[in-house]
Amino acid sequence: MEAVSPFRYRSYPLSLHAGKGTLDQLRSEVDRAKAKRAFVICGKSVATKTDLVDRIKANLGEKYAGLFAGVEASSPLPSVLAGAAAAKEAGADLIVAVGGGSAMVTARAIIIVMAEKGDIHEICTQYPPGQAPVSPKLLAPKIPNILVVTTPSTAMTRAGTAVKDVERHHRLELFDPKTRPFAMIWDDDALLTAPAELFQSTSASALSGILCGAASPKTNPISHADLLHAMRISLESLPLMRTDPNNTTARMNLVAASFLSNRALDGMRSRAFGIISSFGHVIDTLYPHVDHGQSYSLTTAWGMRFNVDQTTGGLARLARELGVGKGLPEREAALKAPDYIEDFYRSLDMPVRLRDVGVPKDGIDKIAEDAMGDFYLHQNARKVKSKSELVDVLNQMW
């Protein structure tokens, strides 16, 4: 039994409605927020291929303030600015985001742009040369937001927001805990509107965070319990997206796993595998044909191997929890964890090598260069001193 080190755990207020017909609870949450002008944002598919907007409009009645259906994948800056302009024109005092990660992130970005003064390039996280990144404090009051979730995105309760600068092909990162959702709705029928492939992709990226959290050298019993349950239901439910894609229990479990992952990681100080997120962010920004889940099936096992010397104990613990490290010396057990994870992603027909998704070998240098400027790389257990270290591991990944 491992000793428990002193730890800090943070939580935040949130109302959650899950199950059949829970979309009907939206109006009561808007009323609880004392909002009068609820503005809905979503992507084109949600607006045109589902009945969710019509259901929301009917539920909100006179408090429905309008719709922006221009949410796009990766939350490109032009879409965010257009959404903010539309919400301002509608007099919005609350945002209802309907969809997956892009809708959630775009909603937070819209709320920030509506409230803060200055160009977004000035209020985003800054990277002074040779220094730690600095996230400006965004102090202006923010209007609340409510999420109607359609995919198990880890973006659902984040305080951070990243939008895509389409001109520079770079992420602009914003941080404001006031943009966390006021309430969330996990409606069975809403969850069934997402294609199984999208659900699998989103869950696969969430699984990466769950596994990395469970392998962190510094954890605590509250967060670790969340992570272990999230890992168990993810490993059970993810394969069902291929064999039984309309299984509502599996879909709900995958959304719950993503939520538990975020709650756990909010309560942990240590983030040991930042290289995985950094590579994932860069790959799906530079190569839009690589979906979010694929960017993590490509990077998770390799990021763990990169950090094995600094995280041996945590990876060995994870391997034992996965059932593959029992009775083995600690380092040998530690190396079993990324092997298991790589095999699991492969069993879902997901790529585990860069060449599997058409990333050219001559693209490695650019990936390494951009990853050096990603916020999460500073949270990696093995401190990265030069771009050449990233080039080396990317060549192994290729």
Protein backbone atom coordinates (compact mmCIF):
# COMPACT_ATOMS: atom_id res chain seq x y z
CA MET A 1 0.00 0.00 0.00
CA GLU A 2 1.37 3.39 -1.02
CA ALA A 3 1.59 6.18 1.53
CA VAL A 4 -0.73 9.13 0.93
CA SER A 5 1.16 12.41 0.60
CA PRO A 6 -0.48 15.69 1.59
CA PHE A 7 -2.78 16.80 -1.20
CA ARG A 8 -5.22 19.51 -2.21
CA TYR A 9 -8.54 18.77 -3.92
CA ARG A 10 -10.66 21.35 -5.72
CA SER A 11 -14.25 21.15 -6.84
CA TYR A 12 -16.79 23.61 -8.25
CA PRO A 13 -20.60 24.01 -8.33
CA LEU A 14 -22.39 22.24 -11.16
CA SER A 15 -25.87 20.89 -11.85
CA LEU A 16 -26.00 17.70 -13.90
CA HIS A 17 -29.06 16.07 -15.48
CA ALA A 18 -28.56 12.65 -17.09
CA GLY A 19 -30.91 10.15 -18.71
CA LYS A 20 -33.99 9.94 -20.87
CA GLY A 21 -35.86 13.22 -21.36
CA THR A 22 -33.45 15.34 -19.33
CA LEU A 23 -33.29 18.00 -22.04
CA ASP A 24 -36.61 19.14 -20.57
CA GLN A 25 -34.65 20.39 -17.52
CA LEU A 26 -32.94 23.11 -19.58
CA ARG A 27 -35.53 25.83 -18.87
CA SER A 28 -35.31 25.29 -15.11
CA GLU A 29 -31.54 25.77 -15.24
CA VAL A 30 -31.87 28.93 -17.33
CA ASP A 31 -34.36 30.23 -14.76
CA ARG A 32 -32.00 29.30 -11.91
CA ALA A 33 -29.29 31.37 -13.58
CA LYS A 34 -31.78 34.27 -13.72
CA ALA A 35 -31.07 34.59 -17.44
CA LYS A 36 -33.55 36.17 -19.84
CA ARG A 37 -31.78 35.81 -23.20
CA ALA A 38 -30.45 32.27 -23.75
CA PHE A 39 -28.45 32.12 -26.97
CA VAL A 40 -27.79 28.71 -28.55
CA ILE A 41 -24.60 27.77 -30.38
CA CYS A 42 -23.90 24.55 -32.27
CA GLY A 43 -22.40 23.16 -35.44
CA LYS A 44 -24.12 22.75 -38.78
CA SER A 45 -24.75 19.03 -38.29
CA VAL A 46 -26.55 19.52 -34.98
CA ALA A 47 -28.63 22.32 -36.49
CA THR A 48 -29.63 20.50 -39.67
CA LYS A 49 -29.45 16.77 -38.92
CA THR A 50 -31.01 16.58 -35.45
CA ASP A 51 -34.11 17.92 -33.71
CA LEU A 52 -32.12 19.27 -30.75
CA VAL A 53 -32.40 22.95 -31.63
CA ASP A 54 -36.16 22.65 -32.14
CA ARG A 55 -36.51 20.87 -28.78
CA ILE A 56 -34.42 23.53 -27.06
CA LYS A 57 -36.33 26.37 -28.68
CA ALA A 58 -39.64 24.87 -27.55
CA ASN A 59 -38.32 24.32 -24.03
CA LEU A 60 -36.92 27.83 -23.63
CA GLY A 61 -39.98 29.60 -24.99
CA GLU A 62 -39.69 33.37 -24.71
CA LYS A 63 -36.15 33.06 -23.29
CA TYR A 64 -34.79 31.70 -26.58
CA ALA A 65 -32.63 34.53 -27.95
CA GLY A 66 -31.39 33.01 -31.19
CA LEU A 67 -28.98 30.56 -32.80
CA PHE A 68 -25.43 30.57 -34.10
CA ALA A 69 -24.84 27.36 -36.06
CA GLY A 70 -21.32 28.21 -37.20
CA VAL A 71 -19.29 26.14 -34.72
CA GLU A 72 -16.43 24.40 -36.53
CA ALA A 73 -13.95 21.68 -35.61
CA SER A 74 -10.98 22.91 -33.54
CA SER A 75 -12.78 26.22 -32.85
CA PRO A 76 -11.11 28.39 -35.51
CA LEU A 77 -10.84 32.05 -34.56
CA PRO A 78 -13.10 33.41 -37.35
CA SER A 79 -15.93 31.16 -36.14
CA VAL A 80 -15.43 32.30 -32.54
CA LEU A 81 -15.47 35.98 -33.50
CA ALA A 82 -18.58 35.51 -35.64
CA GLY A 83 -20.32 33.71 -32.78
CA ALA A 84 -19.39 36.42 -30.30
CA ALA A 85 -20.75 39.10 -32.63
CA ALA A 86 -24.02 37.19 -33.07
CA ALA A 87 -24.41 36.63 -29.32
CA LYS A 88 -23.79 40.32 -28.58
CA GLU A 89 -26.30 41.40 -31.20
CA ALA A 90 -28.88 39.05 -29.66
CA GLY A 91 -28.30 40.53 -26.21
CA ALA A 92 -27.33 37.13 -24.84
CA ASP A 93 -26.96 36.79 -21.07
CA LEU A 94 -26.43 33.00 -21.18
CA ILE A 95 -24.98 30.62 -23.76
CA VAL A 96 -26.36 27.13 -24.41
CA ALA A 97 -23.71 25.06 -26.19
CA VAL A 98 -25.07 22.01 -27.99
CA GLY A 99 -22.67 19.37 -29.27
CA GLY A 100 -19.20 18.07 -28.51
CA GLY A 101 -15.81 19.53 -27.73
CA SER A 102 -15.80 22.17 -30.46
CA ALA A 103 -19.14 23.57 -29.30
CA MET A 104 -18.00 23.58 -25.66
CA VAL A 105 -14.70 25.29 -26.43
CA THR A 106 -16.26 27.76 -28.86
CA ALA A 107 -18.85 28.69 -26.23
CA ARG A 108 -16.17 29.50 -23.67
CA ALA A 109 -14.17 31.46 -26.22
CA ILE A 110 -17.27 33.42 -27.26
CA ILE A 111 -17.97 34.28 -23.63
CA ILE A 112 -14.39 35.50 -23.15
CA VAL A 113 -14.38 37.56 -26.35
CA MET A 114 -17.70 39.15 -25.40
CA ALA A 115 -16.36 40.25 -22.01
CA GLU A 116 -12.66 41.01 -22.34
CA LYS A 117 -11.05 44.03 -23.95
CA GLY A 118 -8.05 43.70 -26.24
CA ASP A 119 -7.11 41.47 -29.12
CA ILE A 120 -7.31 37.75 -28.45
CA HIS A 121 -3.60 37.44 -29.27
CA GLU A 122 -2.91 39.75 -26.33
CA ILE A 123 -5.09 37.98 -23.76
CA CYS A 124 -4.06 34.42 -24.64
CA THR A 125 -1.24 32.53 -22.89
CA GLN A 126 2.13 34.08 -23.66
CA TYR A 127 5.42 32.23 -24.10
CA PRO A 128 8.36 34.50 -23.19
CA PRO A 129 11.59 33.02 -24.59
CA GLY A 130 13.36 30.88 -22.00
CA GLN A 131 10.63 31.38 -19.40
CA ALA A 132 7.55 29.55 -18.20
CA PRO A 133 4.30 30.37 -20.03
CA VAL A 134 2.11 33.10 -18.57
CA SER A 135 -1.69 33.04 -18.76
CA PRO A 136 -3.10 36.57 -18.34
CA LYS A 137 -5.81 36.87 -15.71
CA LEU A 138 -9.14 37.45 -17.43
CA LEU A 139 -10.99 39.36 -14.71
CA ALA A 140 -14.06 40.68 -16.53
CA PRO A 141 -17.37 39.13 -15.37
CA LYS A 142 -18.60 36.35 -17.65
CA ILE A 143 -22.10 35.24 -18.60
CA PRO A 144 -22.93 31.63 -17.66
CA ASN A 145 -23.10 28.69 -20.03
CA ILE A 146 -25.02 25.42 -20.08
CA LEU A 147 -23.91 22.37 -22.05
CA VAL A 148 -26.20 19.97 -23.90
CA VAL A 149 -23.67 17.22 -24.47
CA THR A 150 -23.61 14.96 -27.55
CA THR A 151 -20.13 13.43 -27.24
CA PRO A 152 -17.89 12.41 -24.29
CA SER A 153 -15.49 15.32 -24.65
CA THR A 154 -12.97 16.14 -21.95
CA ALA A 155 -13.62 19.79 -22.82
CA MET A 156 -16.92 19.76 -20.94
CA THR A 157 -15.73 21.13 -17.59
CA ARG A 158 -12.41 22.72 -18.46
CA ALA A 159 -11.32 26.19 -17.36
CA GLY A 160 -8.94 26.41 -20.30
CA THR A 161 -9.94 27.19 -23.86
CA ALA A 162 -7.92 26.85 -27.06
CA VAL A 163 -8.91 28.30 -30.42
CA LYS A 164 -7.15 27.85 -33.73
CA ASP A 165 -5.39 30.77 -35.36
CA VAL A 166 -6.02 29.78 -38.98
CA GLU A 167 -3.48 32.23 -40.36
CA ARG A 168 -0.58 31.02 -38.22
CA HIS A 169 -1.79 27.42 -37.81
CA HIS A 170 -1.27 27.80 -34.08
CA ARG A 171 -3.35 27.33 -30.91
CA LEU A 172 -4.33 30.38 -28.89
CA GLU A 173 -4.85 29.34 -25.27
CA LEU A 174 -7.11 31.19 -22.84
CA PHE A 175 -7.69 30.41 -19.17
CA ASP A 176 -10.67 31.50 -17.09
CA PRO A 177 -12.34 29.29 -14.44
CA LYS A 178 -15.43 31.54 -14.65
CA THR A 179 -16.24 29.95 -18.01
CA ARG A 180 -16.85 26.49 -16.55
CA PRO A 181 -20.45 25.38 -17.24
CA PHE A 182 -23.20 26.32 -14.83
CA ALA A 183 -25.10 23.13 -15.70
CA MET A 184 -24.85 20.12 -18.02
CA ILE A 185 -27.44 17.89 -19.65
CA TRP A 186 -26.66 14.32 -20.75
CA ASP A 187 -29.87 13.43 -22.57
CA ASP A 188 -30.05 9.88 -23.98
CA ASP A 189 -31.50 10.99 -27.31
CA ALA A 190 -28.97 13.80 -27.63
CA LEU A 191 -26.11 11.34 -27.11
CA LEU A 192 -27.50 9.10 -29.84
CA THR A 193 -27.28 11.91 -32.42
CA ALA A 194 -23.47 11.63 -32.62
CA PRO A 195 -22.07 9.11 -35.13
CA ALA A 196 -20.43 6.08 -33.53
CA GLU A 197 -17.09 6.94 -35.16
CA LEU A 198 -17.12 10.39 -33.55
CA PHE A 199 -18.12 8.94 -30.20
CA GLN A 200 -15.24 6.44 -30.39
CA SER A 201 -12.74 9.12 -31.38
CA THR A 202 -13.75 11.44 -28.54
CA SER A 203 -13.75 8.61 -25.99
CA ALA A 204 -10.35 7.42 -27.19
CA SER A 205 -8.82 10.83 -26.50
CA ALA A 206 -10.50 10.92 -23.07
CA LEU A 207 -9.07 7.48 -22.31
CA SER A 208 -5.56 8.84 -22.86
CA GLY A 209 -6.06 11.43 -20.12
CA ILE A 210 -7.57 8.82 -17.82
CA LEU A 211 -4.63 6.47 -18.24
CA CYS A 212 -2.06 9.24 -17.85
CA GLY A 213 -3.75 10.43 -14.68
CA ALA A 214 -3.83 6.91 -13.27
CA ALA A 215 -0.10 6.57 -14.01
CA SER A 216 0.86 9.88 -12.42
CA PRO A 217 3.56 9.44 -9.76
CA LYS A 218 1.71 11.90 -7.51
CA THR A 219 -1.96 11.15 -7.08
CA ASN A 220 -4.47 11.15 -4.23
CA PRO A 221 -7.15 8.65 -3.18
CA ILE A 222 -10.07 10.82 -4.32
CA SER A 223 -8.78 11.50 -7.81
CA HIS A 224 -7.40 8.00 -8.21
CA ALA A 225 -10.77 6.43 -7.41
CA ASP A 226 -12.38 8.58 -10.13
CA LEU A 227 -9.67 7.58 -12.61
CA LEU A 228 -9.87 3.85 -11.91
CA HIS A 229 -13.64 3.79 -12.40
CA ALA A 230 -13.34 5.93 -15.51
CA MET A 231 -10.69 3.54 -16.87
CA ARG A 232 -12.81 0.46 -16.17
CA ILE A 233 -15.97 1.73 -17.85
CA SER A 234 -13.98 3.15 -20.78
CA LEU A 235 -12.23 -0.15 -21.50
CA GLU A 236 -15.59 -1.95 -21.26
CA SER A 237 -17.64 0.52 -23.28
CA LEU A 238 -15.31 1.71 -26.05
CA PRO A 239 -15.38 -1.57 -28.02
CA LEU A 240 -19.19 -1.38 -28.03
CA MET A 241 -19.03 1.68 -30.26
CA ARG A 242 -17.97 -0.78 -32.96
CA THR A 243 -20.26 -3.72 -32.14
CA ASP A 244 -23.33 -2.02 -30.62
CA PRO A 245 -23.10 1.67 -31.55
CA ASN A 246 -26.59 2.62 -30.32
CA ASN A 247 -26.06 1.21 -26.84
CA THR A 248 -27.22 4.13 -24.70
CA THR A 249 -25.69 2.69 -21.52
CA ALA A 250 -22.27 2.48 -23.17
CA ARG A 251 -22.59 6.04 -24.48
CA MET A 252 -23.65 7.37 -21.08
CA ASN A 253 -20.79 5.50 -19.40
CA LEU A 254 -18.26 7.01 -21.79
CA VAL A 255 -19.57 10.51 -21.07
CA ALA A 256 -19.36 9.75 -17.35
CA ALA A 257 -15.78 8.50 -17.78
CA SER A 258 -14.79 11.74 -19.45
CA PHE A 259 -16.42 13.78 -16.68
CA LEU A 260 -14.72 11.70 -13.97
CA SER A 261 -11.40 12.17 -15.70
CA ASN A 262 -11.72 15.96 -15.64
CA ARG A 263 -12.87 15.96 -12.03
CA ALA A 264 -9.91 13.79 -11.07
CA LEU A 265 -7.32 15.84 -12.94
CA ASP A 266 -8.68 19.07 -11.44
CA GLY A 267 -7.86 17.58 -8.04
CA MET A 268 -4.27 16.65 -8.90
CA ARG A 269 -1.21 18.88 -8.85
CA SER A 270 0.99 16.62 -10.95
CA ARG A 271 0.63 16.23 -14.72
CA ALA A 272 3.43 13.87 -15.70
CA PHE A 273 2.76 13.20 -19.37
CA GLY A 274 2.40 16.64 -20.91
CA ILE A 275 4.27 15.57 -24.04
CA ILE A 276 1.25 13.49 -25.06
CA SER A 277 -1.10 16.47 -25.05
CA SER A 278 1.50 18.67 -26.74
CA PHE A 279 2.04 16.23 -29.58
CA GLY A 280 -1.70 15.59 -29.85
CA HIS A 281 -2.54 19.30 -30.05
CA VAL A 282 0.06 19.93 -32.74
CA ILE A 283 -0.74 16.89 -34.86
CA ASP A 284 -4.47 17.55 -35.10
CA THR A 285 -3.78 21.24 -35.76
CA LEU A 286 -1.23 20.67 -38.54
CA TYR A 287 -3.02 17.65 -40.04
CA PRO A 288 -6.79 18.26 -39.95
CA HIS A 289 -7.51 14.83 -41.45
CA VAL A 290 -6.20 13.29 -38.20
CA ASP A 291 -9.13 13.31 -35.79
CA HIS A 292 -8.82 14.05 -32.09
CA GLY A 293 -8.93 10.42 -30.99
CA GLN A 294 -6.33 9.40 -33.52
CA SER A 295 -3.96 12.11 -32.33
CA TYR A 296 -4.01 10.43 -28.90
CA SER A 297 -3.92 6.82 -30.09
CA LEU A 298 -0.74 7.88 -31.90
CA THR A 299 0.90 9.60 -28.95
CA THR A 300 -0.17 8.01 -25.65
CA ALA A 301 2.00 4.90 -25.51
CA TRP A 302 5.02 6.73 -26.92
CA GLY A 303 4.66 9.61 -24.46
CA MET A 304 4.61 7.13 -21.59
CA ARG A 305 7.73 5.39 -22.88
CA PHE A 306 9.46 8.76 -23.19
CA ASN A 307 8.81 9.38 -19.48
CA VAL A 308 9.40 5.87 -18.14
CA ASP A 309 12.50 6.75 -16.09
CA GLN A 310 10.70 9.58 -14.31
CA THR A 311 7.37 7.75 -13.84
CA THR A 312 8.38 4.13 -13.27
CA GLY A 313 6.32 3.71 -10.10
CA GLY A 314 3.17 5.23 -11.55
CA LEU A 315 3.39 3.24 -14.79
CA ALA A 316 4.05 0.02 -12.86
CA ARG A 317 0.97 0.75 -10.73
CA LEU A 318 -1.08 1.33 -13.88
CA ALA A 319 0.18 -1.91 -15.41
CA ARG A 320 -0.93 -3.85 -12.33
CA GLU A 321 -4.35 -2.15 -12.47
CA LEU A 322 -4.60 -3.17 -16.13
CA GLY A 323 -3.77 -6.74 -15.14
CA VAL A 324 -0.44 -6.96 -16.98
CA GLY A 325 2.23 -6.10 -14.38
CA LYS A 326 1.64 -8.47 -11.49
CA GLY A 327 4.78 -10.10 -10.09
CA LEU A 328 7.16 -8.30 -12.46
CA PRO A 329 10.09 -6.07 -11.46
CA GLU A 330 8.94 -2.45 -11.34
CA ARG A 331 10.58 -1.20 -14.53
CA GLU A 332 9.54 -4.25 -16.51
CA ALA A 333 5.98 -3.81 -15.24
CA ALA A 334 6.10 -0.11 -16.14
CA LEU A 335 6.90 -0.89 -19.75
CA LYS A 336 3.94 -3.28 -19.95
CA ALA A 337 1.48 -0.38 -19.53
CA PRO A 338 2.23 1.45 -22.81
CA ASP A 339 2.37 -1.89 -24.64
CA TYR A 340 -1.13 -2.74 -23.35
CA ILE A 341 -2.44 0.70 -24.33
CA GLU A 342 -0.98 0.50 -27.83
CA ASP A 343 -2.56 -2.92 -28.32
CA PHE A 344 -5.93 -1.65 -27.05
CA TYR A 345 -5.99 1.26 -29.49
CA ARG A 346 -4.95 -1.09 -32.28
CA SER A 347 -7.87 -3.41 -31.36
CA LEU A 348 -10.19 -0.47 -32.12
CA ASP A 349 -8.55 -0.12 -35.56
CA MET A 350 -6.99 3.15 -34.48
CA PRO A 351 -3.53 4.24 -35.71
CA VAL A 352 -0.47 3.92 -33.48
CA ARG A 353 2.21 5.16 -35.92
CA LEU A 354 2.49 8.54 -37.63
CA ARG A 355 2.87 6.89 -41.01
CA ASP A 356 -0.49 5.15 -40.43
CA VAL A 357 -2.24 8.52 -40.92
CA GLY A 358 -0.06 9.88 -43.69
CA VAL A 359 2.10 12.22 -41.63
CA PRO A 360 5.24 12.57 -43.77
CA LYS A 361 8.62 12.00 -42.21
CA ASP A 362 9.70 15.46 -43.31
CA GLY A 363 6.86 16.87 -41.19
CA ILE A 364 8.48 15.70 -37.95
CA ASP A 365 10.65 18.79 -37.48
CA LYS A 366 7.62 21.11 -37.66
CA ILE A 367 5.67 18.98 -35.15
CA ALA A 368 8.62 19.12 -32.74
CA GLU A 369 9.03 22.88 -33.22
CA ASP A 370 5.38 23.63 -32.49
CA ALA A 371 5.24 21.20 -29.56
CA MET A 372 8.08 23.12 -27.90
CA GLY A 373 5.66 26.06 -27.66
CA ASP A 374 2.72 24.11 -26.24
CA PHE A 375 1.67 24.84 -22.65
CA TYR A 376 1.46 21.19 -21.56
CA LEU A 377 5.06 20.39 -22.45
CA HIS A 378 6.05 22.38 -19.36
CA GLN A 379 4.10 19.84 -17.27
CA ASN A 380 6.04 16.83 -18.52
CA ALA A 381 7.88 14.69 -15.95
CA ARG A 382 10.98 14.44 -18.11
CA LYS A 383 12.07 17.99 -18.73
CA VAL A 384 12.53 18.64 -22.44
CA LYS A 385 15.61 20.76 -23.02
CA SER A 386 15.78 20.83 -26.81
CA LYS A 387 13.73 20.20 -29.92
CA SER A 388 16.07 17.34 -30.85
CA GLU A 389 14.66 15.24 -27.99
CA LEU A 390 11.19 15.55 -29.52
CA VAL A 391 12.50 14.81 -33.00
CA ASP A 392 14.03 11.59 -31.67
CA VAL A 393 10.78 10.31 -30.16
CA LEU A 394 8.76 11.41 -33.21
CA ASN A 395 11.10 9.39 -35.43
CA GLN A 396 10.35 6.37 -33.24
CA MET A 397 6.62 7.11 -33.52
CA TRP A 398 6.84 7.31 -37.30
